PDB file of N, CA and C in Angstrom:
ATOM      1  N   MET A   1      52.652-225.179  46.147  1.00  0.00           N
ATOM      2  CA  MET A   1      52.266-224.759  47.190  1.00  0.00           C
ATOM      3  C   MET A   1      50.413-225.274  46.901  1.00  0.00           C
ATOM      4  N   LYS A   2      50.484-226.549  48.321  1.00  0.00           N
ATOM      5  CA  LYS A   2      48.988-227.186  47.198  1.00  0.00           C
ATOM      6  C   LYS A   2      47.923-226.068  48.464  1.00  0.00           C
ATOM      7  N   SER A   3      46.850-226.511  47.734  1.00  0.00           N
ATOM      8  CA  SER A   3      45.425-225.496  48.678  1.00  0.00           C
ATOM      9  C   SER A   3      44.464-226.364  48.327  1.00  0.00           C
ATOM     10  N   ASN A   4      43.148-226.061  49.043  1.00  0.00           N
ATOM     11  CA  ASN A   4      42.151-227.085  49.907  1.00  0.00           C
ATOM     12  C   ASN A   4      41.327-226.681  48.933  1.00  0.00           C
ATOM     13  N   PHE A   5      41.311-225.663  47.753  1.00  0.00           N
ATOM     14  CA  PHE A   5      40.084-225.061  46.958  1.00  0.00           C
ATOM     15  C   PHE A   5      39.860-226.785  45.930  1.00  0.00           C
ATOM     16  N   LYS A   6      39.004-226.816  45.857  1.00  0.00           N
ATOM     17  CA  LYS A   6      38.397-227.877  44.787  1.00  0.00           C
ATOM     18  C   LYS A   6      38.057-227.149  43.351  1.00  0.00           C
ATOM     19  N   ASP A   7      38.469-227.225  42.333  1.00  0.00           N
ATOM     20  CA  ASP A   7      37.628-226.962  41.125  1.00  0.00           C
ATOM     21  C   ASP A   7      36.778-227.784  40.657  1.00  0.00           C
ATOM     22  N   ASP A   8      36.009-228.430  40.499  1.00  0.00           N
ATOM     23  CA  ASP A   8      35.316-229.818  40.555  1.00  0.00           C
ATOM     24  C   ASP A   8      33.514-228.906  40.008  1.00  0.00           C
ATOM     25  N   GLN A   9      32.872-227.792  39.548  1.00  0.00           N
ATOM     26  CA  GLN A   9      31.913-227.356  39.460  1.00  0.00           C
ATOM     27  C   GLN A   9      30.901-228.381  38.813  1.00  0.00           C
ATOM     28  N   ASN A  10      29.325-228.233  39.195  1.00  0.00           N
ATOM     29  CA  ASN A  10      28.396-228.491  39.072  1.00  0.00           C
ATOM     30  C   ASN A  10      28.308-228.797  37.568  1.00  0.00           C
ATOM     31  N   LEU A  11      28.088-229.724  36.657  1.00  0.00           N
ATOM     32  CA  LEU A  11      27.575-229.753  35.136  1.00  0.00           C
ATOM     33  C   LEU A  11      26.922-228.491  34.856  1.00  0.00           C
ATOM     34  N   LEU A  12      25.635-228.674  35.796  1.00  0.00           N
ATOM     35  CA  LEU A  12      24.630-228.272  35.660  1.00  0.00           C
ATOM     36  C   LEU A  12      24.846-226.204  36.161  1.00  0.00           C
ATOM     37  N   PHE A  13      25.401-226.313  36.863  1.00  0.00           N
ATOM     38  CA  PHE A  13      25.578-224.592  37.349  1.00  0.00           C
ATOM     39  C   PHE A  13      27.222-223.862  35.951  1.00  0.00           C
ATOM     40  N   LYS A  14      27.942-224.627  35.495  1.00  0.00           N
ATOM     41  CA  LYS A  14      28.239-224.433  34.437  1.00  0.00           C
ATOM     42  C   LYS A  14      27.335-223.996  33.608  1.00  0.00           C
ATOM     43  N   TRP A  15      26.862-224.656  32.887  1.00  0.00           N
ATOM     44  CA  TRP A  15      25.666-224.212  31.796  1.00  0.00           C
ATOM     45  C   TRP A  15      24.817-223.418  32.108  1.00  0.00           C
ATOM     46  N   ALA A  16      24.091-223.028  33.447  1.00  0.00           N
ATOM     47  CA  ALA A  16      23.307-222.269  34.260  1.00  0.00           C
ATOM     48  C   ALA A  16      23.696-221.316  33.754  1.00  0.00           C
ATOM     49  N   SER A  17      25.240-220.754  34.138  1.00  0.00           N
ATOM     50  CA  SER A  17      26.090-219.389  33.780  1.00  0.00           C
ATOM     51  C   SER A  17      26.372-219.520  32.741  1.00  0.00           C
ATOM     52  N   ARG A  18      26.738-220.511  31.807  1.00  0.00           N
ATOM     53  CA  ARG A  18      26.812-219.986  30.283  1.00  0.00           C
ATOM     54  C   ARG A  18      25.717-219.448  29.599  1.00  0.00           C
ATOM     55  N   GLY A  19      24.861-220.526  29.846  1.00  0.00           N
ATOM     56  CA  GLY A  19      23.624-219.856  29.407  1.00  0.00           C
ATOM     57  C   GLY A  19      22.304-218.263  30.130  1.00  0.00           C
ATOM     58  N   LEU A  20      23.379-217.912  30.609  1.00  0.00           N
ATOM     59  CA  LEU A  20      23.260-216.119  31.542  1.00  0.00           C
ATOM     60  C   LEU A  20      23.913-215.772  31.152  1.00  0.00           C
ATOM     61  N   LYS A  21      24.914-215.994  30.766  1.00  0.00           N
ATOM     62  CA  LYS A  21      25.991-214.921  30.000  1.00  0.00           C
ATOM     63  C   LYS A  21      25.382-214.400  28.380  1.00  0.00           C
ATOM     64  N   TYR A  22      25.007-216.086  27.523  1.00  0.00           N
ATOM     65  CA  TYR A  22      24.456-215.340  26.603  1.00  0.00           C
ATOM     66  C   TYR A  22      23.127-215.421  26.112  1.00  0.00           C
ATOM     67  N   PHE A  23      22.444-215.096  27.464  1.00  0.00           N
ATOM     68  CA  PHE A  23      20.994-214.454  27.085  1.00  0.00           C
ATOM     69  C   PHE A  23      21.593-213.231  27.688  1.00  0.00           C
ATOM     70  N   LEU A  24      22.206-212.596  28.624  1.00  0.00           N
ATOM     71  CA  LEU A  24      22.635-211.743  28.759  1.00  0.00           C
ATOM     72  C   LEU A  24      23.149-210.679  27.372  1.00  0.00           C
ATOM     73  N   LEU A  25      24.183-211.561  26.858  1.00  0.00           N
ATOM     74  CA  LEU A  25      24.293-210.881  25.351  1.00  0.00           C
ATOM     75  C   LEU A  25      23.712-210.556  24.848  1.00  0.00           C
ATOM     76  N   THR A  26      22.621-211.240  24.528  1.00  0.00           N
ATOM     77  CA  THR A  26      21.609-211.412  23.819  1.00  0.00           C
ATOM     78  C   THR A  26      20.728-210.073  24.001  1.00  0.00           C
ATOM     79  N   VAL A  27      20.380-210.004  25.220  1.00  0.00           N
ATOM     80  CA  VAL A  27      19.729-209.006  25.166  1.00  0.00           C
ATOM     81  C   VAL A  27      20.471-206.972  24.922  1.00  0.00           C
ATOM     82  N   LEU A  28      21.725-207.919  25.619  1.00  0.00           N
ATOM     83  CA  LEU A  28      22.557-206.424  25.169  1.00  0.00           C
ATOM     84  C   LEU A  28      22.232-206.250  23.715  1.00  0.00           C
ATOM     85  N   GLY A  29      22.478-207.287  23.009  1.00  0.00           N
ATOM     86  CA  GLY A  29      22.357-207.254  21.427  1.00  0.00           C
ATOM     87  C   GLY A  29      20.974-206.197  21.000  1.00  0.00           C
ATOM     88  N   PHE A  30      19.920-206.945  21.493  1.00  0.00           N
ATOM     89  CA  PHE A  30      18.492-206.254  21.253  1.00  0.00           C
ATOM     90  C   PHE A  30      18.472-204.617  21.456  1.00  0.00           C
ATOM     91  N   VAL A  31      19.092-204.439  22.470  1.00  0.00           N
ATOM     92  CA  VAL A  31      18.983-203.448  22.823  1.00  0.00           C
ATOM     93  C   VAL A  31      19.920-202.445  22.014  1.00  0.00           C
ATOM     94  N   ILE A  32      20.986-203.094  21.445  1.00  0.00           N
ATOM     95  CA  ILE A  32      21.779-201.747  20.782  1.00  0.00           C
ATOM     96  C   ILE A  32      21.226-201.960  19.151  1.00  0.00           C
ATOM     97  N   ALA A  33      20.714-202.560  18.763  1.00  0.00           N
ATOM     98  CA  ALA A  33      20.085-202.797  17.672  1.00  0.00           C
ATOM     99  C   ALA A  33      18.951-202.042  17.530  1.00  0.00           C
ATOM    100  N   CYS A  34      18.328-201.630  18.687  1.00  0.00           N
ATOM    101  CA  CYS A  34      16.814-201.134  18.872  1.00  0.00           C
ATOM    102  C   CYS A  34      17.597-199.443  19.040  1.00  0.00           C
ATOM    103  N   VAL A  35      18.252-199.651  19.911  1.00  0.00           N
ATOM    104  CA  VAL A  35      18.931-198.016  20.078  1.00  0.00           C
ATOM    105  C   VAL A  35      19.705-197.653  18.254  1.00  0.00           C
ATOM    106  N   VAL A  36      20.360-198.531  17.698  1.00  0.00           N
ATOM    107  CA  VAL A  36      21.079-197.675  16.267  1.00  0.00           C
ATOM    108  C   VAL A  36      19.895-197.759  15.376  1.00  0.00           C
ATOM    109  N   SER A  37      19.049-198.620  15.274  1.00  0.00           N
ATOM    110  CA  SER A  37      17.539-198.814  14.377  1.00  0.00           C
ATOM    111  C   SER A  37      16.991-197.727  14.121  1.00  0.00           C
ATOM    112  N   HIS A  38      16.889-197.317  16.148  1.00  0.00           N
ATOM    113  CA  HIS A  38      15.808-195.964  16.122  1.00  0.00           C
ATOM    114  C   HIS A  38      16.392-194.624  15.746  1.00  0.00           C
ATOM    115  N   SER A  39      17.940-194.668  16.261  1.00  0.00           N
ATOM    116  CA  SER A  39      18.671-193.495  15.784  1.00  0.00           C
ATOM    117  C   SER A  39      19.064-192.878  14.158  1.00  0.00           C
ATOM    118  N   PHE A  40      18.554-194.181  13.711  1.00  0.00           N
ATOM    119  CA  PHE A  40      18.788-193.723  11.742  1.00  0.00           C
ATOM    120  C   PHE A  40      17.551-194.091  11.428  1.00  0.00           C
ATOM    121  N   GLY A  41      16.540-194.823  11.725  1.00  0.00           N
ATOM    122  CA  GLY A  41      15.320-193.881  11.634  1.00  0.00           C
ATOM    123  C   GLY A  41      13.915-194.834  11.139  1.00  0.00           C
ATOM    124  N   ALA A  42      14.812-196.432  11.243  1.00  0.00           N
ATOM    125  CA  ALA A  42      14.076-197.966  10.599  1.00  0.00           C
ATOM    126  C   ALA A  42      13.091-198.029  11.615  1.00  0.00           C
ATOM    127  N   ALA A  43      11.848-197.266  11.603  1.00  0.00           N
ATOM    128  CA  ALA A  43      10.618-197.615  12.653  1.00  0.00           C
ATOM    129  C   ALA A  43      10.093-198.735  12.915  1.00  0.00           C
ATOM    130  N   SER A  44      10.335-199.481  11.265  1.00  0.00           N
ATOM    131  CA  SER A  44       9.926-200.840  10.989  1.00  0.00           C
ATOM    132  C   SER A  44       9.921-201.579  11.951  1.00  0.00           C
ATOM    133  N   LEU A  45      11.614-202.120  12.167  1.00  0.00           N
ATOM    134  CA  LEU A  45      12.405-202.741  12.203  1.00  0.00           C
ATOM    135  C   LEU A  45      12.422-202.757  13.960  1.00  0.00           C
ATOM    136  N   THR A  46      12.576-201.120  14.721  1.00  0.00           N
ATOM    137  CA  THR A  46      12.368-200.261  16.400  1.00  0.00           C
ATOM    138  C   THR A  46      11.214-200.835  16.482  1.00  0.00           C
ATOM    139  N   ALA A  47       9.643-200.754  15.738  1.00  0.00           N
ATOM    140  CA  ALA A  47       8.255-201.565  16.033  1.00  0.00           C
ATOM    141  C   ALA A  47       8.750-203.337  16.068  1.00  0.00           C
ATOM    142  N   MET A  48       9.309-204.041  14.857  1.00  0.00           N
ATOM    143  CA  MET A  48       9.255-204.897  15.587  1.00  0.00           C
ATOM    144  C   MET A  48      10.242-205.583  17.243  1.00  0.00           C
ATOM    145  N   LEU A  49      11.324-204.799  17.471  1.00  0.00           N
ATOM    146  CA  LEU A  49      12.048-204.954  18.613  1.00  0.00           C
ATOM    147  C   LEU A  49      11.800-204.614  19.717  1.00  0.00           C
ATOM    148  N   LEU A  50      11.022-203.765  19.607  1.00  0.00           N
ATOM    149  CA  LEU A  50       9.919-203.508  20.635  1.00  0.00           C
ATOM    150  C   LEU A  50       8.818-204.108  20.682  1.00  0.00           C
ATOM    151  N   SER A  51       7.932-205.282  20.077  1.00  0.00           N
ATOM    152  CA  SER A  51       6.958-206.340  19.841  1.00  0.00           C
ATOM    153  C   SER A  51       6.742-206.721  21.409  1.00  0.00           C
ATOM    154  N   PRO A  52       5.855-206.939  21.989  1.00  0.00           N
ATOM    155  CA  PRO A  52       5.721-207.239  23.453  1.00  0.00           C
ATOM    156  C   PRO A  52       5.852-208.824  23.074  1.00  0.00           C
ATOM    157  N   SER A  53       5.068-209.831  21.707  1.00  0.00           N
ATOM    158  CA  SER A  53       5.272-210.940  22.183  1.00  0.00           C
ATOM    159  C   SER A  53       7.152-211.281  21.674  1.00  0.00           C
ATOM    160  N   LEU A  54       7.870-210.595  21.413  1.00  0.00           N
ATOM    161  CA  LEU A  54       9.316-210.868  21.596  1.00  0.00           C
ATOM    162  C   LEU A  54       9.602-210.564  22.552  1.00  0.00           C
ATOM    163  N   TRP A  55       9.715-209.898  23.430  1.00  0.00           N
ATOM    164  CA  TRP A  55       9.995-209.804  25.204  1.00  0.00           C
ATOM    165  C   TRP A  55       9.778-210.490  26.221  1.00  0.00           C
ATOM    166  N   ILE A  56       8.119-210.994  25.923  1.00  0.00           N
ATOM    167  CA  ILE A  56       7.572-212.139  26.274  1.00  0.00           C
ATOM    168  C   ILE A  56       8.429-213.172  26.282  1.00  0.00           C
ATOM    169  N   TRP A  57       8.695-213.631  25.476  1.00  0.00           N
ATOM    170  CA  TRP A  57       9.773-214.660  25.195  1.00  0.00           C
ATOM    171  C   TRP A  57      11.145-214.216  25.879  1.00  0.00           C
ATOM    172  N   PHE A  58      11.224-213.384  26.114  1.00  0.00           N
ATOM    173  CA  PHE A  58      12.921-213.026  26.863  1.00  0.00           C
ATOM    174  C   PHE A  58      12.506-213.322  28.318  1.00  0.00           C
ATOM    175  N   PHE A  59      11.462-212.970  28.309  1.00  0.00           N
ATOM    176  CA  PHE A  59      11.166-212.400  30.228  1.00  0.00           C
ATOM    177  C   PHE A  59      10.797-214.554  30.160  1.00  0.00           C
ATOM    178  N   ARG A  60       9.921-215.329  29.161  1.00  0.00           N
ATOM    179  CA  ARG A  60      10.309-216.320  29.717  1.00  0.00           C
ATOM    180  C   ARG A  60      11.629-217.335  29.923  1.00  0.00           C
ATOM    181  N   ILE A  61      12.313-217.461  28.532  1.00  0.00           N
ATOM    182  CA  ILE A  61      13.527-217.363  28.882  1.00  0.00           C
ATOM    183  C   ILE A  61      14.778-217.119  30.321  1.00  0.00           C
ATOM    184  N   GLY A  62      14.455-215.727  30.459  1.00  0.00           N
ATOM    185  CA  GLY A  62      15.440-215.265  31.821  1.00  0.00           C
ATOM    186  C   GLY A  62      14.543-216.061  33.062  1.00  0.00           C
ATOM    187  N   VAL A  63      13.021-216.340  32.652  1.00  0.00           N
ATOM    188  CA  VAL A  63      12.765-217.039  34.470  1.00  0.00           C
ATOM    189  C   VAL A  63      13.381-218.363  34.488  1.00  0.00           C
ATOM    190  N   PHE A  64      13.669-219.207  33.152  1.00  0.00           N
ATOM    191  CA  PHE A  64      13.818-220.229  33.295  1.00  0.00           C
ATOM    192  C   PHE A  64      15.043-220.677  33.151  1.00  0.00           C
ATOM    193  N   LEU A  65      16.129-219.772  32.890  1.00  0.00           N
ATOM    194  CA  LEU A  65      17.604-219.756  33.296  1.00  0.00           C
ATOM    195  C   LEU A  65      17.674-219.404  34.647  1.00  0.00           C
ATOM    196  N   PHE A  66      16.848-218.121  35.164  1.00  0.00           N
ATOM    197  CA  PHE A  66      16.991-218.035  37.007  1.00  0.00           C
ATOM    198  C   PHE A  66      16.859-219.447  37.674  1.00  0.00           C
ATOM    199  N   CYS A  67      15.597-219.918  37.202  1.00  0.00           N
ATOM    200  CA  CYS A  67      15.446-221.182  38.108  1.00  0.00           C
ATOM    201  C   CYS A  67      16.940-222.289  37.877  1.00  0.00           C
ATOM    202  N   VAL A  68      17.294-222.500  37.040  1.00  0.00           N
ATOM    203  CA  VAL A  68      18.030-223.713  36.676  1.00  0.00           C
ATOM    204  C   VAL A  68      19.245-223.048  37.311  1.00  0.00           C
ATOM    205  N   PHE A  69      19.219-221.664  37.350  1.00  0.00           N
ATOM    206  CA  PHE A  69      20.666-221.319  38.325  1.00  0.00           C
ATOM    207  C   PHE A  69      20.289-221.357  39.671  1.00  0.00           C
ATOM    208  N   ALA A  70      19.074-221.153  40.044  1.00  0.00           N
ATOM    209  CA  ALA A  70      18.979-221.507  41.435  1.00  0.00           C
ATOM    210  C   ALA A  70      19.056-223.003  41.581  1.00  0.00           C
ATOM    211  N   ILE A  71      18.664-223.116  41.286  1.00  0.00           N
ATOM    212  CA  ILE A  71      18.700-225.052  41.786  1.00  0.00           C
ATOM    213  C   ILE A  71      19.592-225.702  41.108  1.00  0.00           C
ATOM    214  N   ALA A  72      21.114-224.779  40.419  1.00  0.00           N
ATOM    215  CA  ALA A  72      22.297-225.964  40.576  1.00  0.00           C
ATOM    216  C   ALA A  72      23.124-224.922  41.278  1.00  0.00           C
ATOM    217  N   VAL A  73      22.923-223.681  41.979  1.00  0.00           N
ATOM    218  CA  VAL A  73      23.378-222.754  43.402  1.00  0.00           C
ATOM    219  C   VAL A  73      23.284-223.833  44.608  1.00  0.00           C
ATOM    220  N   VAL A  74      21.876-224.215  44.773  1.00  0.00           N
ATOM    221  CA  VAL A  74      21.010-224.886  45.908  1.00  0.00           C
ATOM    222  C   VAL A  74      22.006-226.809  45.690  1.00  0.00           C
ATOM    223  N   ILE A  75      22.623-227.174  44.677  1.00  0.00           N
ATOM    224  CA  ILE A  75      22.971-228.508  44.219  1.00  0.00           C
ATOM    225  C   ILE A  75      24.092-228.290  44.767  1.00  0.00           C
ATOM    226  N   GLU A  76      25.079-227.488  44.342  1.00  0.00           N
ATOM    227  CA  GLU A  76      25.894-226.624  44.458  1.00  0.00           C
ATOM    228  C   GLU A  76      26.965-226.891  45.977  1.00  0.00           C
ATOM    229  N   SER A  77      25.751-225.957  46.544  1.00  0.00           N
ATOM    230  CA  SER A  77      26.094-225.675  48.137  1.00  0.00           C
ATOM    231  C   SER A  77      25.784-227.567  49.155  1.00  0.00           C
ATOM    232  N   TRP A  78      24.790-228.087  48.567  1.00  0.00           N
ATOM    233  CA  TRP A  78      24.663-229.305  49.495  1.00  0.00           C
ATOM    234  C   TRP A  78      26.077-230.220  48.913  1.00  0.00           C
ATOM    235  N   SER A  79      26.818-230.136  48.163  1.00  0.00           N
ATOM    236  CA  SER A  79      28.127-231.098  47.762  1.00  0.00           C
ATOM    237  C   SER A  79      29.506-230.232  48.385  1.00  0.00           C
TER     238      SER A  79
END
């Protein structure tokens, strides 16, 4: 049975989705590393993971990925 569904997504949409997936997995990995290092008493590693400069870069990358994802959604909705 044929359907009218087209599965040709925009390349930017695919890249934005993949980037968002790996970004969220990275943030989850850092949170798990922070919890484990804090529970085992590794204060220096916990301090490094909680440094403001690291989270500023995570915030910048997150904003960039959100903007790329929004642009991809707008382009996808036009076509």
